[in-house]
Amino acid sequence: MHHFNPLWTIEVRGEVDATSAWLLTEPLMAATEGAAGHVVLDLSEVTFFGSHGLLVVLDAHHRATRRGVTLVVVCNRGVSRLFEVTGVAGTLCHDMVRV
């Protein structure tokens, strides 16, 4: 995680599954509840992204929306496909950048 108020960047690498998704919770909470005005969640280096990770991102998106924080999700084709298949791409559409 890097932060230069008001921009925070959280970079994620590797697999995000049931055993590791909780590791995203704390940095996303700190960013969306702190002084950040903009949060970039970079998932472009993620090799697997499961439903637990999806729940963490959706929770962060809702929290950011309530607090007036802009959350931008940068993701690769695999992660964006999960968002599309699960029907949340519409929720994150304006917040998602594909690489």
C-alpha atoms as a PDB file:
ATOM      1  CA  MET A   1       0.000   0.000   0.000  1.00  0.00           C
ATOM      2  CA  HIS A   2       1.211   3.477  -0.908  1.00  0.00           C
ATOM      3  CA  HIS A   3      -0.509   6.665   0.069  1.00  0.00           C
ATOM      4  CA  PHE A   4       0.049  10.261  -0.741  1.00  0.00           C
ATOM      5  CA  ASN A   5      -3.121  11.957   0.455  1.00  0.00           C
ATOM      6  CA  PRO A   6      -5.579  12.141  -1.095  1.00  0.00           C
ATOM      7  CA  LEU A   7      -4.476   9.212  -3.335  1.00  0.00           C
ATOM      8  CA  TRP A   8      -3.972   5.725  -1.928  1.00  0.00           C
ATOM      9  CA  THR A   9      -2.798   2.779  -4.047  1.00  0.00           C
ATOM     10  CA  ILE A  10      -3.146  -0.837  -2.956  1.00  0.00           C
ATOM     11  CA  GLU A  11      -1.280  -3.332  -5.153  1.00  0.00           C
ATOM     12  CA  VAL A  12      -2.182  -7.012  -4.952  1.00  0.00           C
ATOM     13  CA  ARG A  13      -0.193  -9.913  -6.397  1.00  0.00           C
ATOM     14  CA  GLY A  14      -0.749 -13.656  -6.521  1.00  0.00           C
ATOM     15  CA  GLU A  15      -3.881 -15.516  -5.484  1.00  0.00           C
ATOM     16  CA  VAL A  16      -6.834 -13.999  -3.653  1.00  0.00           C
ATOM     17  CA  ASP A  17      -8.859 -16.885  -2.259  1.00  0.00           C
ATOM     18  CA  ALA A  18     -10.638 -17.918   0.939  1.00  0.00           C
ATOM     19  CA  THR A  19      -7.359 -18.098   2.851  1.00  0.00           C
ATOM     20  CA  SER A  20      -5.916 -14.764   1.698  1.00  0.00           C
ATOM     21  CA  ALA A  21      -8.838 -12.420   0.933  1.00  0.00           C
ATOM     22  CA  TRP A  22      -8.931 -11.197   4.543  1.00  0.00           C
ATOM     23  CA  LEU A  23      -5.505  -9.614   3.954  1.00  0.00           C
ATOM     24  CA  LEU A  24      -7.230  -7.035   1.718  1.00  0.00           C
ATOM     25  CA  THR A  25      -9.759  -6.026   4.340  1.00  0.00           C
ATOM     26  CA  GLU A  26      -7.513  -3.941   6.592  1.00  0.00           C
ATOM     27  CA  PRO A  27      -5.789  -1.860   3.884  1.00  0.00           C
ATOM     28  CA  LEU A  28      -9.097  -1.239   2.087  1.00  0.00           C
ATOM     29  CA  MET A  29     -10.765  -0.194   5.346  1.00  0.00           C
ATOM     30  CA  ALA A  30      -7.879   2.122   6.199  1.00  0.00           C
ATOM     31  CA  ALA A  31      -8.032   3.714   2.762  1.00  0.00           C
ATOM     32  CA  THR A  32     -11.806   4.088   2.471  1.00  0.00           C
ATOM     33  CA  GLU A  33     -12.335   5.203   6.061  1.00  0.00           C
ATOM     34  CA  GLY A  34      -9.239   7.389   6.318  1.00  0.00           C
ATOM     35  CA  ALA A  35      -8.260  10.632   4.666  1.00  0.00           C
ATOM     36  CA  ALA A  36      -8.174   9.193   1.152  1.00  0.00           C
ATOM     37  CA  GLY A  37     -10.177  10.904  -1.537  1.00  0.00           C
ATOM     38  CA  HIS A  38      -9.188   8.401  -4.202  1.00  0.00           C
ATOM     39  CA  VAL A  39      -8.227   4.743  -3.818  1.00  0.00           C
ATOM     40  CA  VAL A  40      -6.694   2.642  -6.586  1.00  0.00           C
ATOM     41  CA  LEU A  41      -6.974  -1.110  -6.042  1.00  0.00           C
ATOM     42  CA  ASP A  42      -4.533  -2.658  -8.497  1.00  0.00           C
ATOM     43  CA  LEU A  43      -5.423  -6.302  -9.182  1.00  0.00           C
ATOM     44  CA  SER A  44      -3.528  -6.492 -12.481  1.00  0.00           C
ATOM     45  CA  GLU A  45      -0.947  -8.949 -11.041  1.00  0.00           C
ATOM     46  CA  VAL A  46      -3.551 -11.275  -9.485  1.00  0.00           C
ATOM     47  CA  THR A  47      -3.366 -14.852 -10.812  1.00  0.00           C
ATOM     48  CA  PHE A  48      -6.550 -16.123  -9.130  1.00  0.00           C
ATOM     49  CA  PHE A  49      -9.417 -14.111  -7.699  1.00  0.00           C
ATOM     50  CA  GLY A  50     -12.152 -15.976  -5.850  1.00  0.00           C
ATOM     51  CA  SER A  51     -15.529 -15.104  -4.404  1.00  0.00           C
ATOM     52  CA  HIS A  52     -14.073 -14.122  -1.016  1.00  0.00           C
ATOM     53  CA  GLY A  53     -11.985 -11.452  -2.705  1.00  0.00           C
ATOM     54  CA  LEU A  54     -15.044 -10.299  -4.604  1.00  0.00           C
ATOM     55  CA  LEU A  55     -16.940  -9.806  -1.332  1.00  0.00           C
ATOM     56  CA  VAL A  56     -14.062  -7.753   0.107  1.00  0.00           C
ATOM     57  CA  VAL A  57     -13.981  -5.502  -2.989  1.00  0.00           C
ATOM     58  CA  LEU A  58     -17.758  -5.034  -2.984  1.00  0.00           C
ATOM     59  CA  ASP A  59     -17.684  -4.139   0.710  1.00  0.00           C
ATOM     60  CA  ALA A  60     -14.925  -1.585   0.035  1.00  0.00           C
ATOM     61  CA  HIS A  61     -16.890  -0.179  -2.916  1.00  0.00           C
ATOM     62  CA  HIS A  62     -20.013   0.333  -0.774  1.00  0.00           C
ATOM     63  CA  ARG A  63     -18.000   1.877   2.057  1.00  0.00           C
ATOM     64  CA  ALA A  64     -16.179   4.192  -0.364  1.00  0.00           C
ATOM     65  CA  THR A  65     -19.457   5.274  -1.964  1.00  0.00           C
ATOM     66  CA  ARG A  66     -20.982   6.099   1.434  1.00  0.00           C
ATOM     67  CA  ARG A  67     -17.937   8.168   2.413  1.00  0.00           C
ATOM     68  CA  GLY A  68     -17.530   9.986  -0.919  1.00  0.00           C
ATOM     69  CA  VAL A  69     -14.271   8.222  -1.769  1.00  0.00           C
ATOM     70  CA  THR A  70     -13.543   7.275  -5.383  1.00  0.00           C
ATOM     71  CA  LEU A  71     -12.501   3.624  -5.671  1.00  0.00           C
ATOM     72  CA  VAL A  72     -10.862   2.627  -8.958  1.00  0.00           C
ATOM     73  CA  VAL A  73     -10.268  -1.077  -9.573  1.00  0.00           C
ATOM     74  CA  VAL A  74      -7.495  -1.947 -12.035  1.00  0.00           C
ATOM     75  CA  CYS A  75      -7.776  -5.551 -13.104  1.00  0.00           C
ATOM     76  CA  ASN A  76      -6.637  -8.047 -15.664  1.00  0.00           C
ATOM     77  CA  ARG A  77      -8.923  -9.971 -18.003  1.00  0.00           C
ATOM     78  CA  GLY A  78      -9.419 -12.869 -15.563  1.00  0.00           C
ATOM     79  CA  VAL A  79     -10.574 -10.674 -12.685  1.00  0.00           C
ATOM     80  CA  SER A  80     -12.797  -8.550 -14.905  1.00  0.00           C
ATOM     81  CA  ARG A  81     -14.364 -11.755 -16.259  1.00  0.00           C
ATOM     82  CA  LEU A  82     -15.295 -12.769 -12.680  1.00  0.00           C
ATOM     83  CA  PHE A  83     -16.952  -9.371 -12.187  1.00  0.00           C
ATOM     84  CA  GLU A  84     -18.915  -9.851 -15.413  1.00  0.00           C
ATOM     85  CA  VAL A  85     -19.975 -13.464 -14.711  1.00  0.00           C
ATOM     86  CA  THR A  86     -21.155 -12.656 -11.186  1.00  0.00           C
ATOM     87  CA  GLY A  87     -23.130  -9.627 -12.355  1.00  0.00           C
ATOM     88  CA  VAL A  88     -21.222  -7.013 -10.365  1.00  0.00           C
ATOM     89  CA  ALA A  89     -19.518  -5.433 -13.363  1.00  0.00           C
ATOM     90  CA  GLY A  90     -22.495  -3.055 -13.539  1.00  0.00           C
ATOM     91  CA  THR A  91     -21.852  -1.976  -9.962  1.00  0.00           C
ATOM     92  CA  LEU A  92     -18.120  -1.551 -10.505  1.00  0.00           C
ATOM     93  CA  CYS A  93     -18.302  -0.604 -14.182  1.00  0.00           C
ATOM     94  CA  HIS A  94     -17.508   3.078 -13.766  1.00  0.00           C
ATOM     95  CA  ASP A  95     -14.811   2.160 -11.252  1.00  0.00           C
ATOM     96  CA  MET A  96     -13.066  -0.601 -13.236  1.00  0.00           C
ATOM     97  CA  VAL A  97     -10.065  -0.302 -15.530  1.00  0.00           C
ATOM     98  CA  ARG A  98      -8.947  -3.369 -17.492  1.00  0.00           C
ATOM     99  CA  VAL A  99      -5.286  -3.926 -18.370  1.00  0.00           C
END
